[in-house]
């Protein structure tokens, strides 16, 4: 992103492409970035850690009315809550300050996340998962906002890409850990939520508020006319991004693959494609959203069309990598587009709006694919349709030639 993309100067002084701590004069660097990148992984922990133990949870509460409906909600509730509340978290970020909310949310995350270790009611466990979603909304909004506060230009784009790399690798690790720990007891994986406590301590030590919290009661309004396009596209982008994660195992099952080892290996290879795309984003971000967003949608879309038509494991692997590569470019490209023209006082709310759009898209994803599958003749056709729509989105964004993250 070029300096011209910022419509007004940042509130914190800059040393090159990094903000400087107003209290100590020290520039932001790897310690701050590492805390924020690792904390960003906690939302992924909530999404994938429990997937392997859902059948065990259902068995444990077999006598609970509506157990078949409530058990999947244990997994999906946090994502829905993030989608519904991240905008509120964004307003709190701009109002009370980034650091205070981040540290508090990390501490609360540990208590809400580990609560099912002691709860004997499925309804109470679902309620605790709603609280986890609230803390995740605050954590994700704070982390992304602080990355945008601390860094600018190419440095910011590189860290946005690394945020996707970290969360993608974390998803792969957490999925395996959830299965291994859940083999002993379905409650055991919940202990991992306590990892947020050392992160809270690290945030308290290394993270600093970029500028003093504004004491005025009136925040500057968001530029909704500028945000409408990137947020609307990000809503669809969230759906596209999640298709590979949700549906890959069903694609493999549909062509006769029954081995969980094979399914896991193909999923890991697809995740590797996502990590590569996100890692490379920093090198292509200078081209601007008019290029990066269409290219990302094009790769994801063509990959999904291929997955819908694939009839063998090698074909699935190839198109999973293509889709994953596009997904790795997609999130940081959309985020850079959305935040590129926002000022410091607007950035928390803008990040919250964008995060809400992404997570609502992710939550809707399996429902949309299921509806398409039933309406037009199977999963393969549904994936091809979603892929074709992604390609259409690529053409539409390119034709609109958005500005706001970089000039090219």
Protein backbone atom coordinates (compact mmCIF):
# COMPACT_ATOMS: atom_id res chain seq x y z
CA UNK A 1 0.00 0.00 0.00
CA UNK A 2 1.34 3.40 -0.94
CA UNK A 3 1.44 6.39 1.39
CA UNK A 4 -1.12 8.11 -0.83
CA UNK A 5 -3.68 5.54 0.26
CA UNK A 6 -3.95 7.09 3.71
CA UNK A 7 -6.30 10.01 3.31
CA UNK A 8 -5.04 11.65 6.51
CA UNK A 9 -1.80 11.30 8.45
CA UNK A 10 -1.67 8.59 11.12
CA UNK A 11 -2.22 9.68 14.68
CA UNK A 12 0.99 8.07 15.94
CA UNK A 13 4.39 9.33 14.77
CA UNK A 14 6.05 7.14 12.20
CA UNK A 15 9.61 5.97 11.97
CA UNK A 16 9.76 4.83 8.37
CA UNK A 17 6.88 2.35 8.15
CA UNK A 18 6.36 1.65 11.87
CA UNK A 19 4.66 3.60 14.64
CA UNK A 20 6.60 4.76 17.68
CA UNK A 21 5.52 4.21 21.28
CA UNK A 22 4.55 7.72 22.45
CA UNK A 23 5.68 6.90 26.01
CA UNK A 24 9.13 5.38 25.37
CA UNK A 25 9.96 6.40 21.82
CA UNK A 26 10.55 2.77 20.83
CA UNK A 27 9.31 1.73 17.39
CA UNK A 28 6.95 -1.19 16.93
CA UNK A 29 8.72 -4.37 15.88
CA UNK A 30 8.75 -8.13 16.06
CA UNK A 31 7.76 -8.48 19.75
CA UNK A 32 4.55 -6.53 19.19
CA UNK A 33 3.84 -8.26 15.88
CA UNK A 34 4.43 -11.74 17.33
CA UNK A 35 2.03 -11.18 20.22
CA UNK A 36 -0.65 -9.93 17.82
CA UNK A 37 -0.11 -12.71 15.28
CA UNK A 38 -0.23 -15.45 17.93
CA UNK A 39 -3.30 -13.93 19.56
CA UNK A 40 -5.02 -13.86 16.15
CA UNK A 41 -4.81 -17.66 16.12
CA UNK A 42 -7.22 -17.97 19.05
CA UNK A 43 -10.28 -17.51 16.84
CA UNK A 44 -9.08 -20.49 14.80
CA UNK A 45 -8.68 -22.48 18.00
CA UNK A 46 -12.36 -21.99 18.69
CA UNK A 47 -13.32 -23.07 15.17
CA UNK A 48 -11.37 -26.29 14.63
CA UNK A 49 -10.23 -27.63 18.00
CA UNK A 50 -13.53 -29.28 18.85
CA UNK A 51 -14.47 -30.71 15.44
CA UNK A 52 -12.93 -34.14 16.16
CA UNK A 53 -14.80 -34.55 19.50
CA UNK A 54 -18.30 -33.45 18.46
CA UNK A 55 -19.55 -37.07 18.23
CA UNK A 56 -18.25 -37.71 21.76
CA UNK A 57 -19.98 -34.60 23.06
CA UNK A 58 -23.23 -35.74 21.46
CA UNK A 59 -22.87 -39.17 23.06
CA UNK A 60 -22.11 -37.63 26.47
CA UNK A 61 -25.35 -35.63 26.40
CA UNK A 62 -27.48 -38.17 24.53
CA UNK A 63 -30.39 -37.63 26.93
CA UNK A 64 -30.55 -33.87 26.35
CA UNK A 65 -33.54 -32.74 24.25
CA UNK A 66 -32.39 -31.39 20.88
CA UNK A 67 -28.86 -32.76 21.32
CA UNK A 68 -28.48 -33.25 17.56
CA UNK A 69 -29.02 -29.53 17.03
CA UNK A 70 -27.16 -28.22 20.07
CA UNK A 71 -23.96 -30.21 19.54
CA UNK A 72 -22.95 -28.59 16.21
CA UNK A 73 -23.73 -25.19 17.75
CA UNK A 74 -20.91 -25.86 20.23
CA UNK A 75 -18.58 -25.58 17.23
CA UNK A 76 -20.30 -22.86 15.20
CA UNK A 77 -21.57 -20.49 17.93
CA UNK A 78 -18.30 -18.52 18.29
CA UNK A 79 -18.10 -17.74 14.56
CA UNK A 80 -21.70 -16.52 14.49
CA UNK A 81 -21.17 -14.39 17.59
CA UNK A 82 -18.03 -12.85 16.06
CA UNK A 83 -20.01 -11.99 12.96
CA UNK A 84 -22.78 -10.36 14.98
CA UNK A 85 -20.65 -8.48 17.51
CA UNK A 86 -17.32 -7.54 15.91
CA UNK A 87 -18.80 -4.18 14.86
CA UNK A 88 -19.59 -3.47 18.52
CA UNK A 89 -16.08 -4.55 19.48
CA UNK A 90 -14.72 -2.14 16.90
CA UNK A 91 -16.57 0.76 18.50
CA UNK A 92 -15.22 -0.23 21.93
CA UNK A 93 -11.71 -0.42 20.46
CA UNK A 94 -11.95 3.17 19.22
CA UNK A 95 -13.61 4.33 22.45
CA UNK A 96 -11.63 2.72 25.30
CA UNK A 97 -8.35 1.87 23.59
CA UNK A 98 -6.77 -1.14 21.91
CA UNK A 99 -4.48 -2.48 24.65
CA UNK A 100 -6.97 -2.42 27.52
CA UNK A 101 -9.61 -4.33 25.57
CA UNK A 102 -7.10 -6.85 24.17
CA UNK A 103 -5.62 -7.79 27.55
CA UNK A 104 -9.06 -8.06 29.17
CA UNK A 105 -10.44 -10.16 26.32
CA UNK A 106 -7.47 -12.56 26.44
CA UNK A 107 -8.04 -13.16 30.15
CA UNK A 108 -11.80 -13.62 29.70
CA UNK A 109 -11.17 -15.99 26.78
CA UNK A 110 -9.30 -18.41 29.07
CA UNK A 111 -12.12 -18.54 31.62
CA UNK A 112 -14.93 -18.85 29.07
CA UNK A 113 -13.00 -21.34 26.94
CA UNK A 114 -12.15 -23.71 29.79
CA UNK A 115 -15.62 -23.51 31.39
CA UNK A 116 -16.87 -26.76 29.74
CA UNK A 117 -14.29 -28.64 31.80
CA UNK A 118 -16.63 -28.22 34.76
CA UNK A 119 -20.07 -27.73 33.19
CA UNK A 120 -22.51 -30.67 33.23
CA UNK A 121 -25.21 -29.12 31.02
CA UNK A 122 -25.04 -28.94 27.24
CA UNK A 123 -27.07 -25.74 27.32
CA UNK A 124 -24.53 -24.12 29.68
CA UNK A 125 -21.69 -25.29 27.44
CA UNK A 126 -23.37 -23.61 24.46
CA UNK A 127 -23.74 -20.44 26.57
CA UNK A 128 -20.01 -20.56 27.38
CA UNK A 129 -19.28 -20.85 23.67
CA UNK A 130 -21.26 -17.66 23.07
CA UNK A 131 -19.00 -15.94 25.61
CA UNK A 132 -15.96 -17.36 23.77
CA UNK A 133 -17.28 -15.77 20.57
CA UNK A 134 -17.61 -12.40 22.31
CA UNK A 135 -14.00 -12.51 23.48
CA UNK A 136 -12.82 -13.69 20.06
CA UNK A 137 -14.58 -10.74 18.41
CA UNK A 138 -12.68 -8.38 20.68
CA UNK A 139 -9.35 -10.19 20.23
CA UNK A 140 -9.55 -10.36 16.43
CA UNK A 141 -10.62 -6.73 16.13
CA UNK A 142 -7.89 -5.51 18.49
CA UNK A 143 -5.12 -7.56 16.85
CA UNK A 144 -5.96 -6.52 13.29
CA UNK A 145 -6.45 -2.88 14.30
CA UNK A 146 -3.13 -2.77 16.16
CA UNK A 147 -1.27 -4.30 13.20
CA UNK A 148 -2.73 -1.51 11.06
CA UNK A 149 -1.81 1.07 13.73
CA UNK A 150 1.77 -0.08 14.24
CA UNK A 151 2.75 -0.66 10.63
CA UNK A 152 2.11 1.02 7.28
CA UNK A 153 3.07 0.55 3.66
CA UNK A 154 4.63 -2.72 2.58
CA UNK A 155 5.36 -3.66 6.19
CA UNK A 156 1.66 -3.60 7.03
CA UNK A 157 0.80 -5.72 4.00
CA UNK A 158 3.45 -8.28 4.97
CA UNK A 159 2.00 -8.63 8.46
CA UNK A 160 -1.56 -8.91 7.12
CA UNK A 161 -0.32 -11.80 4.99
CA UNK A 162 1.52 -13.34 7.95
CA UNK A 163 -1.68 -13.14 9.98
CA UNK A 164 -3.29 -15.53 7.51
CA UNK A 165 -0.15 -17.73 7.52
CA UNK A 166 -0.20 -17.99 11.31
CA UNK A 167 -3.91 -18.77 11.50
CA UNK A 168 -3.69 -21.33 8.68
CA UNK A 169 -0.79 -23.20 10.26
CA UNK A 170 -2.51 -22.96 13.65
CA UNK A 171 -5.69 -24.48 12.21
CA UNK A 172 -3.75 -27.51 11.00
CA UNK A 173 -2.01 -27.94 14.35
CA UNK A 174 -5.16 -27.39 16.42
CA UNK A 175 -7.12 -29.90 14.37
CA UNK A 176 -4.53 -32.57 15.12
CA UNK A 177 -4.26 -31.59 18.79
CA UNK A 178 -8.02 -31.66 19.20
CA UNK A 179 -8.18 -35.20 17.85
CA UNK A 180 -5.24 -36.43 19.96
CA UNK A 181 -6.47 -34.88 23.20
CA UNK A 182 -10.06 -35.87 22.54
CA UNK A 183 -9.04 -39.52 22.26
CA UNK A 184 -8.63 -39.51 26.05
CA UNK A 185 -11.74 -37.55 27.01
CA UNK A 186 -13.98 -35.10 25.15
CA UNK A 187 -13.34 -32.43 27.80
CA UNK A 188 -9.53 -32.53 27.54
CA UNK A 189 -9.18 -30.25 24.44
CA UNK A 190 -10.82 -27.40 26.37
CA UNK A 191 -7.65 -27.05 28.45
CA UNK A 192 -5.93 -25.50 25.44
CA UNK A 193 -8.03 -22.36 25.84
CA UNK A 194 -5.83 -21.47 28.82
CA UNK A 195 -3.05 -20.59 26.34
CA UNK A 196 -4.53 -17.10 26.19
CA UNK A 197 -3.29 -16.34 29.73
CA UNK A 198 0.42 -16.20 28.82
CA UNK A 199 -0.58 -14.23 25.72
CA UNK A 200 -2.41 -11.76 27.97
CA UNK A 201 0.76 -11.35 30.03
CA UNK A 202 2.81 -10.83 26.86
CA UNK A 203 0.30 -8.29 25.56
CA UNK A 204 0.41 -6.39 28.84
CA UNK A 205 4.21 -6.21 28.56
CA UNK A 206 4.84 -5.62 24.85
CA UNK A 207 1.69 -4.02 23.40
CA UNK A 208 1.20 -0.29 23.83
CA UNK A 209 -1.63 2.05 23.04
CA UNK A 210 -0.60 3.91 19.85
CA UNK A 211 -2.00 7.23 21.10
CA UNK A 212 -3.84 8.33 24.22
CA UNK A 213 -7.49 7.29 24.22
CA UNK A 214 -9.69 10.11 22.97
CA UNK A 215 -11.71 11.72 25.75
CA UNK A 216 -14.29 13.20 23.43
CA UNK A 217 -17.72 11.64 23.28
CA UNK A 218 -18.01 12.01 19.52
CA UNK A 219 -16.08 9.68 17.22
CA UNK A 220 -15.61 10.70 13.59
CA UNK A 221 -18.14 8.91 11.35
CA UNK A 222 -17.11 5.99 9.20
CA UNK A 223 -16.92 6.62 5.44
CA UNK A 224 -19.69 4.15 4.65
CA UNK A 225 -19.71 4.97 0.94
CA UNK A 226 -16.05 3.91 0.75
CA UNK A 227 -16.55 0.87 2.99
CA UNK A 228 -19.68 -0.47 1.30
CA UNK A 229 -17.89 -2.15 -1.62
CA UNK A 230 -15.02 -3.86 0.27
CA UNK A 231 -17.32 -4.97 3.10
CA UNK A 232 -19.95 -6.31 0.71
CA UNK A 233 -17.33 -8.17 -1.31
CA UNK A 234 -15.77 -9.47 1.93
CA UNK A 235 -19.12 -10.98 2.94
CA UNK A 236 -18.98 -13.14 -0.17
CA UNK A 237 -15.23 -13.59 0.29
CA UNK A 238 -15.79 -15.14 3.71
CA UNK A 239 -18.12 -17.69 2.13
CA UNK A 240 -15.63 -18.50 -0.63
CA UNK A 241 -12.74 -18.80 1.82
CA UNK A 242 -14.54 -21.32 4.03
CA UNK A 243 -15.76 -23.65 1.26
CA UNK A 244 -12.45 -25.51 1.05
CA UNK A 245 -12.27 -25.95 4.84
CA UNK A 246 -15.84 -27.23 5.19
CA UNK A 247 -16.34 -29.26 2.02
CA UNK A 248 -12.99 -30.85 1.13
CA UNK A 249 -13.58 -33.95 3.23
CA UNK A 250 -17.01 -34.42 1.61
CA UNK A 251 -15.47 -34.09 -1.86
CA UNK A 252 -13.00 -36.86 -1.02
CA UNK A 253 -15.74 -39.00 0.49
CA UNK A 254 -17.77 -38.55 -2.68
CA UNK A 255 -15.01 -40.09 -4.83
CA UNK A 256 -14.62 -43.05 -2.47
CA UNK A 257 -11.87 -41.96 -0.06
CA UNK A 258 -12.61 -43.41 3.38
CA UNK A 259 -9.21 -43.14 5.05
CA UNK A 260 -9.09 -40.32 7.60
CA UNK A 261 -5.32 -40.26 7.09
CA UNK A 262 -5.72 -39.49 3.39
CA UNK A 263 -8.35 -36.85 4.09
CA UNK A 264 -6.09 -35.26 6.68
CA UNK A 265 -3.11 -35.28 4.32
CA UNK A 266 -5.03 -33.66 1.47
CA UNK A 267 -6.43 -31.05 3.87
CA UNK A 268 -2.92 -30.25 5.08
CA UNK A 269 -1.67 -29.84 1.50
CA UNK A 270 -4.56 -27.46 0.76
CA UNK A 271 -3.66 -25.49 3.90
CA UNK A 272 -0.09 -25.30 2.67
CA UNK A 273 -1.36 -23.60 -0.49
CA UNK A 274 -3.18 -21.07 1.68
CA UNK A 275 -0.01 -20.37 3.68
CA UNK A 276 2.02 -19.86 0.49
CA UNK A 277 -0.53 -17.43 -0.94
CA UNK A 278 -0.66 -15.42 2.27
CA UNK A 279 3.13 -15.38 2.57
CA UNK A 280 3.47 -14.03 -0.97
CA UNK A 281 0.82 -11.34 -0.49
CA UNK A 282 3.33 -8.82 0.84
CA UNK A 283 5.23 -9.01 -2.45
CA UNK A 284 2.22 -8.32 -4.66
CA UNK A 285 0.28 -5.94 -2.38
CA UNK A 286 1.85 -2.91 -4.08
CA UNK A 287 -0.31 -3.70 -7.13
CA UNK A 288 -3.35 -2.59 -5.15
CA UNK A 289 -6.79 -4.10 -4.56
CA UNK A 290 -7.79 -3.60 -8.20
CA UNK A 291 -5.32 -6.40 -8.95
CA UNK A 292 -4.89 -8.46 -5.78
CA UNK A 293 -8.59 -8.95 -5.02
CA UNK A 294 -9.52 -10.13 -8.55
CA UNK A 295 -6.47 -12.41 -8.74
CA UNK A 296 -7.37 -13.96 -5.37
CA UNK A 297 -11.00 -14.55 -6.38
CA UNK A 298 -9.89 -15.97 -9.72
CA UNK A 299 -7.59 -18.56 -8.14
CA UNK A 300 -10.15 -19.51 -5.49
CA UNK A 301 -12.96 -19.69 -8.03
CA UNK A 302 -11.10 -21.76 -10.61
CA UNK A 303 -9.93 -24.09 -7.86
CA UNK A 304 -13.48 -24.61 -6.60
CA UNK A 305 -14.75 -25.29 -10.12
CA UNK A 306 -12.01 -27.89 -10.45
CA UNK A 307 -12.90 -29.46 -7.09
CA UNK A 308 -16.50 -29.69 -8.18
CA UNK A 309 -15.49 -31.59 -11.31
CA UNK A 310 -12.62 -33.66 -9.83
CA UNK A 311 -12.96 -37.43 -9.99
CA UNK A 312 -9.63 -38.62 -8.53
CA UNK A 313 -7.46 -37.87 -5.52
CA UNK A 314 -4.61 -36.29 -7.56
CA UNK A 315 -7.09 -33.90 -9.20
CA UNK A 316 -8.54 -33.00 -5.81
CA UNK A 317 -5.05 -32.30 -4.45
CA UNK A 318 -4.17 -30.01 -7.37
CA UNK A 319 -7.38 -27.99 -7.16
CA UNK A 320 -7.26 -27.86 -3.35
CA UNK A 321 -3.83 -26.22 -3.65
CA UNK A 322 -5.12 -23.76 -6.28
CA UNK A 323 -8.11 -22.87 -4.10
CA UNK A 324 -5.94 -22.60 -1.00
CA UNK A 325 -3.48 -20.33 -2.79
CA UNK A 326 -6.30 -17.99 -3.80
CA UNK A 327 -7.69 -18.06 -0.24
CA UNK A 328 -4.28 -17.09 1.13
CA UNK A 329 -4.28 -13.97 -1.05
CA UNK A 330 -7.96 -13.22 -0.52
CA UNK A 331 -8.18 -12.28 3.16
CA UNK A 332 -5.25 -9.83 3.33
CA UNK A 333 -6.25 -8.32 -0.03
CA UNK A 334 -9.80 -7.65 1.19
CA UNK A 335 -8.56 -6.36 4.54
CA UNK A 336 -6.10 -3.97 2.91
CA UNK A 337 -8.84 -2.68 0.62
CA UNK A 338 -11.23 -2.08 3.52
CA UNK A 339 -8.77 -0.37 5.88
CA UNK A 340 -6.63 1.52 3.37
CA UNK A 341 -8.43 4.86 3.57
CA UNK A 342 -9.40 4.88 7.27
CA UNK A 343 -7.89 7.18 9.88
CA UNK A 344 -6.69 6.07 13.31
CA UNK A 345 -9.98 7.09 14.96
CA UNK A 346 -11.99 5.09 12.40
CA UNK A 347 -9.78 2.02 12.14
CA UNK A 348 -11.16 0.00 15.06
CA UNK A 349 -14.75 0.31 13.88
CA UNK A 350 -13.74 -0.33 10.28
CA UNK A 351 -11.90 -3.49 11.32
CA UNK A 352 -14.95 -4.60 13.31
CA UNK A 353 -17.26 -4.12 10.34
CA UNK A 354 -14.90 -6.06 8.08
CA UNK A 355 -14.49 -8.86 10.63
CA UNK A 356 -18.26 -9.15 11.00
CA UNK A 357 -18.69 -9.47 7.25
CA UNK A 358 -16.02 -12.16 6.98
CA UNK A 359 -17.35 -14.30 9.82
CA UNK A 360 -20.98 -14.00 8.77
CA UNK A 361 -19.87 -15.21 5.34
CA UNK A 362 -18.04 -18.12 6.94
CA UNK A 363 -21.05 -19.05 9.07
CA UNK A 364 -23.40 -18.94 6.07
CA UNK A 365 -21.01 -20.99 3.90
CA UNK A 366 -22.10 -24.55 4.81
CA UNK A 367 -25.78 -23.56 4.72
CA UNK A 368 -25.40 -21.98 1.27
CA UNK A 369 -23.52 -24.97 -0.14
CA UNK A 370 -26.07 -27.36 1.37
CA UNK A 371 -28.92 -25.39 -0.18
CA UNK A 372 -27.23 -25.31 -3.58
CA UNK A 373 -26.47 -29.03 -3.38
CA UNK A 374 -30.11 -29.84 -2.83
CA UNK A 375 -31.38 -27.42 -5.45
CA UNK A 376 -29.07 -28.10 -8.39
CA UNK A 377 -27.98 -31.70 -8.11
CA UNK A 378 -25.20 -32.48 -5.70
CA UNK A 379 -22.10 -31.13 -4.01
CA UNK A 380 -19.90 -31.10 -7.12
CA UNK A 381 -22.31 -28.87 -9.03
CA UNK A 382 -22.71 -26.59 -6.00
CA UNK A 383 -18.95 -26.12 -5.70
CA UNK A 384 -18.69 -25.37 -9.41
CA UNK A 385 -21.42 -22.73 -9.10
CA UNK A 386 -19.73 -21.06 -6.11
CA UNK A 387 -16.44 -21.14 -8.01
CA UNK A 388 -18.04 -19.57 -11.07
CA UNK A 389 -19.53 -16.83 -8.89
CA UNK A 390 -16.07 -16.17 -7.46
CA UNK A 391 -14.71 -15.72 -10.97
CA UNK A 392 -17.59 -13.34 -11.70
CA UNK A 393 -16.63 -11.43 -8.55
CA UNK A 394 -13.06 -11.23 -9.83
CA UNK A 395 -14.25 -9.69 -13.09
CA UNK A 396 -16.60 -7.31 -11.29
CA UNK A 397 -13.96 -6.02 -8.87
CA UNK A 398 -11.44 -5.62 -11.67
CA UNK A 399 -13.96 -3.69 -13.75
CA UNK A 400 -14.73 -1.39 -10.80
CA UNK A 401 -10.99 -0.80 -10.25
CA UNK A 402 -11.24 -0.10 -6.49
CA UNK A 403 -8.87 2.31 -4.80
CA UNK A 404 -8.08 2.70 -1.13
CA UNK A 405 -5.15 0.38 -0.43
CA UNK A 406 -2.60 1.15 -3.09
CA UNK A 407 -2.04 2.95 -6.31
CA UNK A 408 -0.70 1.11 -9.28
